[in-house]
Amino acid sequence: MSNDRNRTLTREVEAVMVPYGNKFVIPAGGKVSLMQTLGGSFTIMGDFGMARLDGQYADAIGEQSQANSLAGAATGADGAPDQELLWNQLRGVYDPEIPVNIVDLGLVYSLDVAKREQGGHKVDVAMTLTAPGCGMGPAIAEDAKSKLMMVPGVDEADVRIVWEPVWNQNMISEEGKMKLGLV
């Protein structure tokens, strides 16, 4: 891993434009600056502006993948996923513009686990965003869903973006406020 924030892409990557949420391709040889490395994804800057890069492209920017393996993690007696593991997975999800995870930002309103009729378990999450116009919402929700699906016992996950109650800074955890310099 290089200490230098300036990188040259070693291969083509698909990125998500921040804050608009549209996907685009950056060709091999593209010049970027690494701005943030959190939750297994990367926030980069380039002549295109700011973008989020999924962890699968870590090698293309000279970083190590932060693979999150939960193999061997225990489930409940009925095969239900461990609630603490689910919450920890959500703590690994970040808005690419904010260095605080979605749980500590107070964006996750509920996390429910239910048995499915066809067997297994489904996780339902209701979350919001810091601003209704945030184009990154679908990308953040998909990141949350993919991290939840890694937890043993999860056969299905649904992450919904809701707008009630309206999010405000009072919902940020004390730890989150400290990271943001709000305390």
N, C-alpha and C. Protein backbone atom coordinates (compact mmCIF):
# COMPACT_ATOMS: atom_id res chain seq x y z
N MET A 1 0.85 -1.18 0.00
CA MET A 1 0.00 0.00 0.00
C MET A 1 0.89 1.24 0.00
N SER A 2 0.59 2.18 -0.84
CA SER A 2 1.36 3.41 -0.95
C SER A 2 0.85 4.46 0.04
N ASN A 3 1.78 5.25 0.58
CA ASN A 3 1.37 6.35 1.45
C ASN A 3 0.92 7.55 0.63
N ASP A 4 1.30 7.56 -0.64
CA ASP A 4 0.94 8.65 -1.53
C ASP A 4 -0.53 8.53 -1.90
N ARG A 5 -1.26 9.63 -1.81
CA ARG A 5 -2.68 9.61 -2.15
C ARG A 5 -2.92 9.60 -3.66
N ASN A 6 -1.94 10.00 -4.44
CA ASN A 6 -2.10 10.04 -5.90
C ASN A 6 -1.83 8.66 -6.48
N ARG A 7 -2.76 8.19 -7.29
CA ARG A 7 -2.68 6.84 -7.84
C ARG A 7 -2.95 6.86 -9.34
N THR A 8 -2.42 5.86 -10.02
CA THR A 8 -2.71 5.61 -11.42
C THR A 8 -3.39 4.25 -11.49
N LEU A 9 -4.56 4.20 -12.07
CA LEU A 9 -5.32 2.94 -12.14
C LEU A 9 -4.59 1.92 -13.00
N THR A 10 -4.45 0.71 -12.47
CA THR A 10 -3.77 -0.35 -13.20
C THR A 10 -4.71 -1.13 -14.11
N ARG A 11 -6.00 -0.90 -13.93
CA ARG A 11 -7.01 -1.54 -14.78
C ARG A 11 -8.27 -0.69 -14.79
N GLU A 12 -9.14 -0.98 -15.74
CA GLU A 12 -10.42 -0.28 -15.84
C GLU A 12 -11.27 -0.59 -14.61
N VAL A 13 -11.98 0.43 -14.11
CA VAL A 13 -12.84 0.24 -12.95
C VAL A 13 -14.19 0.91 -13.21
N GLU A 14 -15.22 0.40 -12.51
CA GLU A 14 -16.53 1.04 -12.53
C GLU A 14 -16.68 1.80 -11.22
N ALA A 15 -16.99 3.07 -11.31
CA ALA A 15 -17.13 3.92 -10.13
C ALA A 15 -18.54 4.50 -10.10
N VAL A 16 -18.89 5.08 -8.95
CA VAL A 16 -20.19 5.72 -8.78
C VAL A 16 -19.94 7.20 -8.46
N MET A 17 -20.48 8.08 -9.29
CA MET A 17 -20.28 9.52 -9.13
C MET A 17 -20.94 9.99 -7.84
N VAL A 18 -20.19 10.75 -7.05
CA VAL A 18 -20.70 11.31 -5.80
C VAL A 18 -20.99 12.78 -6.04
N PRO A 19 -22.13 13.31 -5.69
CA PRO A 19 -23.22 12.72 -4.93
C PRO A 19 -24.38 12.23 -5.80
N TYR A 20 -24.18 12.13 -7.11
CA TYR A 20 -25.30 11.88 -8.03
C TYR A 20 -25.72 10.42 -8.12
N GLY A 21 -24.77 9.50 -7.89
CA GLY A 21 -25.11 8.08 -7.89
C GLY A 21 -25.05 7.39 -9.23
N ASN A 22 -24.66 8.09 -10.30
CA ASN A 22 -24.60 7.43 -11.60
C ASN A 22 -23.25 6.71 -11.76
N LYS A 23 -23.33 5.53 -12.40
CA LYS A 23 -22.13 4.71 -12.62
C LYS A 23 -21.42 5.17 -13.88
N PHE A 24 -20.09 5.06 -13.85
CA PHE A 24 -19.29 5.37 -15.02
C PHE A 24 -18.00 4.58 -14.94
N VAL A 25 -17.29 4.50 -16.06
CA VAL A 25 -16.06 3.72 -16.14
C VAL A 25 -14.86 4.66 -16.19
N ILE A 26 -13.84 4.32 -15.41
CA ILE A 26 -12.57 5.04 -15.46
C ILE A 26 -11.58 4.07 -16.11
N PRO A 27 -10.94 4.47 -17.20
CA PRO A 27 -10.05 3.54 -17.90
C PRO A 27 -8.73 3.31 -17.15
N ALA A 28 -8.09 2.20 -17.47
CA ALA A 28 -6.76 1.93 -16.93
C ALA A 28 -5.87 3.11 -17.29
N GLY A 29 -4.99 3.48 -16.39
CA GLY A 29 -4.11 4.63 -16.60
C GLY A 29 -4.68 5.93 -16.08
N GLY A 30 -5.97 5.91 -15.67
CA GLY A 30 -6.59 7.11 -15.12
C GLY A 30 -5.90 7.55 -13.84
N LYS A 31 -5.80 8.84 -13.65
CA LYS A 31 -5.16 9.42 -12.46
C LYS A 31 -6.23 9.78 -11.44
N VAL A 32 -6.06 9.31 -10.19
CA VAL A 32 -7.00 9.60 -9.12
C VAL A 32 -6.23 9.91 -7.84
N SER A 33 -6.93 10.56 -6.91
CA SER A 33 -6.40 10.77 -5.56
C SER A 33 -7.32 10.03 -4.61
N LEU A 34 -6.72 9.28 -3.70
CA LEU A 34 -7.47 8.52 -2.70
C LEU A 34 -7.82 9.46 -1.55
N MET A 35 -9.12 9.65 -1.31
CA MET A 35 -9.58 10.61 -0.30
C MET A 35 -10.00 9.92 1.00
N GLN A 36 -10.63 8.74 0.89
CA GLN A 36 -11.17 8.07 2.07
C GLN A 36 -11.22 6.57 1.81
N THR A 37 -10.84 5.80 2.83
CA THR A 37 -10.89 4.34 2.78
C THR A 37 -11.67 3.87 3.99
N LEU A 38 -12.95 3.57 3.80
CA LEU A 38 -13.79 3.15 4.91
C LEU A 38 -14.77 2.09 4.45
N GLY A 39 -15.00 1.10 5.31
CA GLY A 39 -16.02 0.10 5.05
C GLY A 39 -15.75 -0.77 3.84
N GLY A 40 -14.48 -0.85 3.42
CA GLY A 40 -14.15 -1.70 2.28
C GLY A 40 -14.34 -1.03 0.94
N SER A 41 -14.72 0.26 0.93
CA SER A 41 -14.83 0.99 -0.34
C SER A 41 -13.92 2.21 -0.25
N PHE A 42 -13.77 2.88 -1.37
CA PHE A 42 -12.84 3.99 -1.46
C PHE A 42 -13.52 5.21 -2.07
N THR A 43 -13.22 6.38 -1.53
CA THR A 43 -13.65 7.63 -2.14
C THR A 43 -12.45 8.20 -2.86
N ILE A 44 -12.62 8.47 -4.15
CA ILE A 44 -11.52 8.98 -4.96
C ILE A 44 -11.92 10.29 -5.63
N MET A 45 -10.91 11.05 -6.00
CA MET A 45 -11.11 12.29 -6.76
C MET A 45 -10.31 12.17 -8.05
N GLY A 46 -10.84 12.79 -9.09
CA GLY A 46 -10.13 12.83 -10.36
C GLY A 46 -10.67 13.98 -11.18
N ASP A 47 -10.29 14.04 -12.44
CA ASP A 47 -10.80 15.14 -13.27
C ASP A 47 -12.30 15.02 -13.50
N PHE A 48 -12.88 13.90 -13.12
CA PHE A 48 -14.32 13.66 -13.20
C PHE A 48 -15.05 14.20 -11.98
N GLY A 49 -14.35 14.54 -10.91
CA GLY A 49 -14.93 14.96 -9.64
C GLY A 49 -14.71 13.89 -8.59
N MET A 50 -15.69 13.69 -7.71
CA MET A 50 -15.58 12.70 -6.64
C MET A 50 -16.37 11.46 -7.01
N ALA A 51 -15.82 10.28 -6.62
CA ALA A 51 -16.51 9.03 -6.92
C ALA A 51 -16.23 8.01 -5.82
N ARG A 52 -17.11 7.02 -5.75
CA ARG A 52 -16.96 5.89 -4.83
C ARG A 52 -16.53 4.69 -5.66
N LEU A 53 -15.53 3.99 -5.15
CA LEU A 53 -14.99 2.82 -5.80
C LEU A 53 -15.21 1.62 -4.89
N ASP A 54 -15.84 0.58 -5.40
CA ASP A 54 -16.12 -0.62 -4.62
C ASP A 54 -14.81 -1.33 -4.28
N GLY A 55 -14.80 -2.04 -3.18
CA GLY A 55 -13.62 -2.74 -2.70
C GLY A 55 -13.04 -3.75 -3.68
N GLN A 56 -13.85 -4.25 -4.61
CA GLN A 56 -13.34 -5.22 -5.58
C GLN A 56 -12.27 -4.62 -6.49
N TYR A 57 -12.16 -3.28 -6.49
CA TYR A 57 -11.18 -2.61 -7.32
C TYR A 57 -9.96 -2.13 -6.52
N ALA A 58 -9.82 -2.61 -5.29
CA ALA A 58 -8.71 -2.17 -4.42
C ALA A 58 -7.37 -2.30 -5.12
N ASP A 59 -7.14 -3.44 -5.76
CA ASP A 59 -5.84 -3.67 -6.41
C ASP A 59 -5.56 -2.65 -7.51
N ALA A 60 -6.59 -2.15 -8.17
CA ALA A 60 -6.42 -1.20 -9.27
C ALA A 60 -5.86 0.14 -8.80
N ILE A 61 -6.00 0.43 -7.49
CA ILE A 61 -5.45 1.67 -6.94
C ILE A 61 -4.32 1.40 -5.96
N GLY A 62 -3.81 0.17 -5.98
CA GLY A 62 -2.67 -0.17 -5.14
C GLY A 62 -3.00 -0.38 -3.68
N GLU A 63 -4.24 -0.75 -3.39
CA GLU A 63 -4.67 -1.00 -2.01
C GLU A 63 -4.96 -2.48 -1.84
N GLN A 64 -5.04 -2.90 -0.59
CA GLN A 64 -5.42 -4.27 -0.25
C GLN A 64 -6.93 -4.32 -0.07
N SER A 65 -7.54 -5.39 -0.56
CA SER A 65 -8.97 -5.58 -0.35
C SER A 65 -9.22 -5.83 1.13
N GLN A 66 -10.27 -5.23 1.65
CA GLN A 66 -10.65 -5.44 3.04
C GLN A 66 -11.80 -6.44 3.07
N ALA A 67 -11.55 -7.62 2.53
CA ALA A 67 -12.59 -8.64 2.46
C ALA A 67 -13.13 -8.92 3.86
N ASN A 68 -14.42 -8.99 3.93
CA ASN A 68 -15.10 -9.16 5.20
C ASN A 68 -15.66 -10.57 5.26
N SER A 69 -14.85 -11.51 5.73
CA SER A 69 -15.29 -12.90 5.79
C SER A 69 -15.95 -13.21 7.12
N LEU A 70 -17.14 -13.72 7.04
CA LEU A 70 -17.85 -14.13 8.25
C LEU A 70 -18.04 -15.64 8.25
N ALA A 71 -17.25 -16.34 7.43
CA ALA A 71 -17.36 -17.79 7.37
C ALA A 71 -17.11 -18.36 8.77
N GLY A 72 -17.95 -19.27 9.15
CA GLY A 72 -17.81 -19.89 10.46
C GLY A 72 -18.50 -19.14 11.58
N ALA A 73 -19.07 -17.97 11.28
CA ALA A 73 -19.80 -17.24 12.32
C ALA A 73 -21.05 -18.03 12.69
N ALA A 74 -21.39 -18.00 13.95
CA ALA A 74 -22.50 -18.80 14.46
C ALA A 74 -23.85 -18.18 14.12
N THR A 75 -24.84 -19.04 14.05
CA THR A 75 -26.23 -18.60 13.92
C THR A 75 -26.96 -19.04 15.18
N GLY A 76 -28.19 -18.58 15.34
CA GLY A 76 -29.00 -19.01 16.47
C GLY A 76 -29.40 -20.47 16.33
N ALA A 77 -30.00 -21.03 17.35
CA ALA A 77 -30.42 -22.43 17.35
C ALA A 77 -31.35 -22.73 16.18
N ASP A 78 -32.15 -21.75 15.77
CA ASP A 78 -33.07 -21.96 14.65
C ASP A 78 -32.46 -21.53 13.31
N GLY A 79 -31.15 -21.28 13.30
CA GLY A 79 -30.47 -20.86 12.07
C GLY A 79 -30.57 -19.37 11.80
N ALA A 80 -31.16 -18.63 12.73
CA ALA A 80 -31.32 -17.18 12.55
C ALA A 80 -29.96 -16.49 12.62
N PRO A 81 -29.79 -15.44 11.83
CA PRO A 81 -28.54 -14.69 11.88
C PRO A 81 -28.37 -13.97 13.22
N ASP A 82 -27.14 -13.78 13.62
CA ASP A 82 -26.81 -13.10 14.87
C ASP A 82 -27.07 -11.59 14.70
N GLN A 83 -27.92 -11.02 15.57
CA GLN A 83 -28.27 -9.59 15.49
C GLN A 83 -27.03 -8.70 15.59
N GLU A 84 -26.11 -9.04 16.48
CA GLU A 84 -24.91 -8.22 16.65
C GLU A 84 -24.08 -8.20 15.38
N LEU A 85 -23.96 -9.35 14.71
CA LEU A 85 -23.23 -9.40 13.44
C LEU A 85 -23.91 -8.53 12.38
N LEU A 86 -25.24 -8.57 12.35
CA LEU A 86 -25.97 -7.74 11.38
C LEU A 86 -25.68 -6.26 11.60
N TRP A 87 -25.77 -5.82 12.86
CA TRP A 87 -25.49 -4.41 13.18
C TRP A 87 -24.05 -4.06 12.87
N ASN A 88 -23.12 -4.98 13.15
CA ASN A 88 -21.71 -4.72 12.85
C ASN A 88 -21.48 -4.60 11.35
N GLN A 89 -22.20 -5.38 10.56
CA GLN A 89 -22.09 -5.26 9.11
C GLN A 89 -22.55 -3.87 8.65
N LEU A 90 -23.65 -3.40 9.23
CA LEU A 90 -24.14 -2.06 8.85
C LEU A 90 -23.17 -0.97 9.29
N ARG A 91 -22.42 -1.24 10.35
CA ARG A 91 -21.40 -0.27 10.79
C ARG A 91 -20.23 -0.19 9.80
N GLY A 92 -20.21 -1.09 8.85
CA GLY A 92 -19.20 -1.06 7.81
C GLY A 92 -19.67 -0.37 6.53
N VAL A 93 -20.82 0.29 6.60
CA VAL A 93 -21.38 0.99 5.44
C VAL A 93 -21.24 2.49 5.66
N TYR A 94 -20.69 3.17 4.67
CA TYR A 94 -20.42 4.60 4.77
C TYR A 94 -20.97 5.37 3.59
N ASP A 95 -21.41 6.58 3.84
CA ASP A 95 -21.66 7.55 2.79
C ASP A 95 -20.27 7.99 2.36
N PRO A 96 -19.96 8.00 1.06
CA PRO A 96 -18.59 8.33 0.63
C PRO A 96 -18.15 9.75 0.97
N GLU A 97 -19.08 10.60 1.37
CA GLU A 97 -18.71 11.98 1.71
C GLU A 97 -18.56 12.21 3.21
N ILE A 98 -18.92 11.20 4.01
CA ILE A 98 -18.95 11.38 5.46
C ILE A 98 -18.17 10.25 6.12
N PRO A 99 -17.19 10.55 6.98
CA PRO A 99 -16.36 9.50 7.58
C PRO A 99 -16.99 8.83 8.81
N VAL A 100 -18.30 8.70 8.82
CA VAL A 100 -19.01 8.05 9.92
C VAL A 100 -19.97 7.03 9.31
N ASN A 101 -20.04 5.84 9.90
CA ASN A 101 -20.90 4.79 9.34
C ASN A 101 -22.38 5.14 9.49
N ILE A 102 -23.22 4.44 8.72
CA ILE A 102 -24.65 4.76 8.68
C ILE A 102 -25.36 4.52 10.00
N VAL A 103 -24.85 3.58 10.82
CA VAL A 103 -25.47 3.34 12.12
C VAL A 103 -25.18 4.52 13.05
N ASP A 104 -23.91 4.93 13.14
CA ASP A 104 -23.56 6.04 14.02
C ASP A 104 -24.10 7.38 13.51
N LEU A 105 -24.39 7.47 12.22
CA LEU A 105 -25.03 8.68 11.70
C LEU A 105 -26.51 8.72 12.07
N GLY A 106 -27.04 7.62 12.56
CA GLY A 106 -28.46 7.55 12.91
C GLY A 106 -29.35 7.35 11.71
N LEU A 107 -28.80 6.80 10.63
CA LEU A 107 -29.58 6.62 9.41
C LEU A 107 -30.39 5.32 9.40
N VAL A 108 -30.01 4.35 10.25
CA VAL A 108 -30.72 3.08 10.28
C VAL A 108 -31.82 3.16 11.33
N TYR A 109 -33.06 3.09 10.88
CA TYR A 109 -34.21 3.21 11.78
C TYR A 109 -34.66 1.87 12.35
N SER A 110 -34.51 0.80 11.57
CA SER A 110 -34.91 -0.51 12.08
C SER A 110 -34.17 -1.61 11.35
N LEU A 111 -34.02 -2.74 12.07
CA LEU A 111 -33.43 -3.94 11.51
C LEU A 111 -34.23 -5.10 12.09
N ASP A 112 -34.97 -5.80 11.24
CA ASP A 112 -35.83 -6.89 11.69
C ASP A 112 -35.46 -8.16 10.95
N VAL A 113 -35.49 -9.28 11.68
CA VAL A 113 -35.23 -10.60 11.11
C VAL A 113 -36.50 -11.42 11.23
N ALA A 114 -36.87 -12.07 10.14
CA ALA A 114 -38.08 -12.91 10.15
C ALA A 114 -37.80 -14.21 9.39
N LYS A 115 -38.48 -15.27 9.84
CA LYS A 115 -38.40 -16.54 9.11
C LYS A 115 -39.16 -16.39 7.80
N ARG A 116 -38.62 -16.99 6.75
CA ARG A 116 -39.29 -17.00 5.45
C ARG A 116 -40.14 -18.25 5.33
N GLU A 117 -41.25 -18.16 4.63
CA GLU A 117 -42.12 -19.32 4.42
C GLU A 117 -41.38 -20.45 3.73
N GLN A 118 -40.50 -20.09 2.79
CA GLN A 118 -39.76 -21.11 2.04
C GLN A 118 -38.50 -21.56 2.76
N GLY A 119 -38.34 -21.16 4.01
CA GLY A 119 -37.17 -21.54 4.80
C GLY A 119 -36.14 -20.43 4.84
N GLY A 120 -35.31 -20.47 5.83
CA GLY A 120 -34.28 -19.45 5.97
C GLY A 120 -34.82 -18.19 6.62
N HIS A 121 -34.04 -17.14 6.56
CA HIS A 121 -34.39 -15.88 7.22
C HIS A 121 -34.19 -14.69 6.30
N LYS A 122 -35.05 -13.71 6.50
CA LYS A 122 -34.99 -12.45 5.75
C LYS A 122 -34.70 -11.32 6.73
N VAL A 123 -33.82 -10.41 6.31
CA VAL A 123 -33.52 -9.22 7.10
C VAL A 123 -34.15 -8.03 6.39
N ASP A 124 -34.94 -7.27 7.13
CA ASP A 124 -35.55 -6.04 6.61
C ASP A 124 -34.94 -4.85 7.34
N VAL A 125 -34.44 -3.89 6.58
CA VAL A 125 -33.84 -2.68 7.16
C VAL A 125 -34.57 -1.47 6.59
N ALA A 126 -34.92 -0.56 7.47
CA ALA A 126 -35.45 0.75 7.05
C ALA A 126 -34.38 1.77 7.41
N MET A 127 -33.96 2.53 6.43
CA MET A 127 -32.95 3.54 6.67
C MET A 127 -33.30 4.81 5.91
N THR A 128 -32.64 5.88 6.26
CA THR A 128 -32.86 7.14 5.58
C THR A 128 -31.52 7.67 5.11
N LEU A 129 -31.52 8.86 4.59
CA LEU A 129 -30.31 9.54 4.14
C LEU A 129 -30.25 10.90 4.82
N THR A 130 -29.08 11.51 4.79
CA THR A 130 -28.95 12.83 5.42
C THR A 130 -29.68 13.91 4.65
N ALA A 131 -29.92 13.66 3.35
CA ALA A 131 -30.63 14.64 2.53
C ALA A 131 -31.49 13.90 1.50
N PRO A 132 -32.74 14.31 1.31
CA PRO A 132 -33.63 13.63 0.37
C PRO A 132 -33.11 13.59 -1.07
N GLY A 133 -32.34 14.56 -1.49
CA GLY A 133 -31.86 14.60 -2.87
C GLY A 133 -30.58 13.82 -3.11
N CYS A 134 -30.09 13.09 -2.13
CA CYS A 134 -28.83 12.37 -2.25
C CYS A 134 -28.94 11.26 -3.29
N GLY A 135 -28.21 11.38 -4.35
CA GLY A 135 -28.21 10.37 -5.41
C GLY A 135 -27.48 9.10 -5.02
N MET A 136 -26.73 9.13 -3.93
CA MET A 136 -25.99 7.96 -3.49
C MET A 136 -26.86 6.96 -2.73
N GLY A 137 -28.11 7.30 -2.44
CA GLY A 137 -29.00 6.43 -1.68
C GLY A 137 -29.03 5.00 -2.18
N PRO A 138 -29.28 4.77 -3.48
CA PRO A 138 -29.31 3.39 -3.96
C PRO A 138 -27.98 2.66 -3.79
N ALA A 139 -26.87 3.36 -3.99
CA ALA A 139 -25.56 2.72 -3.82
C ALA A 139 -25.30 2.37 -2.36
N ILE A 140 -25.68 3.25 -1.44
CA ILE A 140 -25.50 2.99 -0.01
C ILE A 140 -26.40 1.84 0.42
N ALA A 141 -27.65 1.83 -0.04
CA ALA A 141 -28.58 0.73 0.31
C ALA A 141 -28.08 -0.60 -0.25
N GLU A 142 -27.55 -0.60 -1.45
CA GLU A 142 -27.02 -1.83 -2.05
C GLU A 142 -25.80 -2.32 -1.29
N ASP A 143 -24.94 -1.40 -0.85
CA ASP A 143 -23.77 -1.76 -0.03
C ASP A 143 -24.24 -2.41 1.26
N ALA A 144 -25.26 -1.82 1.91
CA ALA A 144 -25.81 -2.39 3.14
C ALA A 144 -26.36 -3.79 2.89
N LYS A 145 -27.11 -3.94 1.82
CA LYS A 145 -27.70 -5.24 1.50
C LYS A 145 -26.61 -6.29 1.27
N SER A 146 -25.59 -5.96 0.50
CA SER A 146 -24.54 -6.94 0.22
C SER A 146 -23.79 -7.33 1.48
N LYS A 147 -23.58 -6.40 2.40
CA LYS A 147 -22.91 -6.72 3.66
C LYS A 147 -23.81 -7.59 4.56
N LEU A 148 -25.11 -7.34 4.55
CA LEU A 148 -26.03 -8.18 5.33
C LEU A 148 -26.08 -9.61 4.78
N MET A 149 -26.02 -9.74 3.47
CA MET A 149 -26.09 -11.06 2.84
C MET A 149 -24.86 -11.92 3.16
N MET A 150 -23.79 -11.33 3.67
CA MET A 150 -22.59 -12.08 4.06
C MET A 150 -22.77 -12.80 5.39
N VAL A 151 -23.76 -12.39 6.16
CA VAL A 151 -23.95 -12.95 7.50
C VAL A 151 -24.59 -14.33 7.41
N PRO A 152 -23.98 -15.35 8.04
CA PRO A 152 -24.58 -16.68 8.03
C PRO A 152 -26.01 -16.63 8.57
N GLY A 153 -26.90 -17.34 7.88
CA GLY A 153 -28.30 -17.38 8.28
C GLY A 153 -29.18 -16.40 7.51
N VAL A 154 -28.57 -15.47 6.77
CA VAL A 154 -29.34 -14.52 5.97
C VAL A 154 -29.53 -15.09 4.57
N ASP A 155 -30.78 -15.31 4.20
CA ASP A 155 -31.10 -15.85 2.88
C ASP A 155 -31.66 -14.77 1.96
N GLU A 156 -32.10 -13.67 2.56
CA GLU A 156 -32.69 -12.58 1.80
C GLU A 156 -32.54 -11.31 2.62
N ALA A 157 -32.32 -10.18 1.94
CA ALA A 157 -32.24 -8.90 2.64
C ALA A 157 -32.92 -7.83 1.80
N ASP A 158 -33.63 -6.97 2.49
CA ASP A 158 -34.31 -5.85 1.84
C ASP A 158 -33.94 -4.60 2.62
N VAL A 159 -33.32 -3.64 1.93
CA VAL A 159 -32.95 -2.37 2.56
C VAL A 159 -33.77 -1.28 1.88
N ARG A 160 -34.69 -0.69 2.65
CA ARG A 160 -35.58 0.34 2.12
C ARG A 160 -35.15 1.71 2.61
N ILE A 161 -35.22 2.68 1.72
CA ILE A 161 -34.96 4.06 2.11
C ILE A 161 -36.31 4.71 2.42
N VAL A 162 -36.41 5.26 3.62
CA VAL A 162 -37.63 5.91 4.08
C VAL A 162 -37.31 7.35 4.45
N TRP A 163 -38.36 8.16 4.55
CA TRP A 163 -38.14 9.59 4.83
C TRP A 163 -38.80 10.05 6.12
N GLU A 164 -39.46 9.14 6.82
CA GLU A 164 -40.08 9.48 8.10
C GLU A 164 -39.53 8.57 9.17
N PRO A 165 -39.09 9.08 10.28
CA PRO A 165 -39.00 10.49 10.59
C PRO A 165 -37.87 11.15 9.80
N VAL A 166 -37.94 12.44 9.66
CA VAL A 166 -36.92 13.19 8.95
C VAL A 166 -35.63 13.15 9.78
N TRP A 167 -34.52 12.82 9.13
CA TRP A 167 -33.23 12.74 9.82
C TRP A 167 -32.77 14.13 10.24
N ASN A 168 -32.10 14.19 11.38
CA ASN A 168 -31.45 15.44 11.82
C ASN A 168 -30.20 15.07 12.60
N GLN A 169 -29.35 16.05 12.86
CA GLN A 169 -28.06 15.81 13.51
C GLN A 169 -28.19 15.26 14.93
N ASN A 170 -29.31 15.44 15.57
CA ASN A 170 -29.50 14.88 16.91
C ASN A 170 -29.52 13.36 16.89
N MET A 171 -29.71 12.75 15.73
CA MET A 171 -29.75 11.30 15.61
C MET A 171 -28.37 10.67 15.56
N ILE A 172 -27.34 11.48 15.40
CA ILE A 172 -25.96 10.98 15.33
C ILE A 172 -25.53 10.52 16.72
N SER A 173 -24.87 9.36 16.79
CA SER A 173 -24.38 8.84 18.07
C SER A 173 -23.29 9.77 18.61
N GLU A 174 -22.99 9.63 19.89
CA GLU A 174 -21.93 10.45 20.50
C GLU A 174 -20.60 10.19 19.80
N GLU A 175 -20.32 8.93 19.50
CA GLU A 175 -19.07 8.59 18.80
C GLU A 175 -19.04 9.27 17.43
N GLY A 176 -20.16 9.24 16.72
CA GLY A 176 -20.24 9.89 15.41
C GLY A 176 -20.04 11.39 15.51
N LYS A 177 -20.64 11.99 16.52
CA LYS A 177 -20.48 13.44 16.71
C LYS A 177 -19.03 13.79 16.98
N MET A 178 -18.34 12.93 17.75
CA MET A 178 -16.93 13.18 18.04
C MET A 178 -16.11 13.12 16.76
N LYS A 179 -16.37 12.12 15.91
CA LYS A 179 -15.63 11.99 14.64
C LYS A 179 -15.87 13.18 13.73
N LEU A 180 -17.07 13.74 13.81
CA LEU A 180 -17.41 14.88 12.96
C LEU A 180 -17.06 16.23 13.59
N GLY A 181 -16.57 16.18 14.82
CA GLY A 181 -16.22 17.43 15.51
C GLY A 181 -17.42 18.23 15.95
N LEU A 182 -18.53 17.55 16.24
CA LEU A 182 -19.76 18.24 16.64
C LEU A 182 -19.92 18.30 18.17
N VAL A 183 -18.97 17.75 18.92
CA VAL A 183 -19.04 17.75 20.38
C VAL A 183 -17.94 18.62 20.93
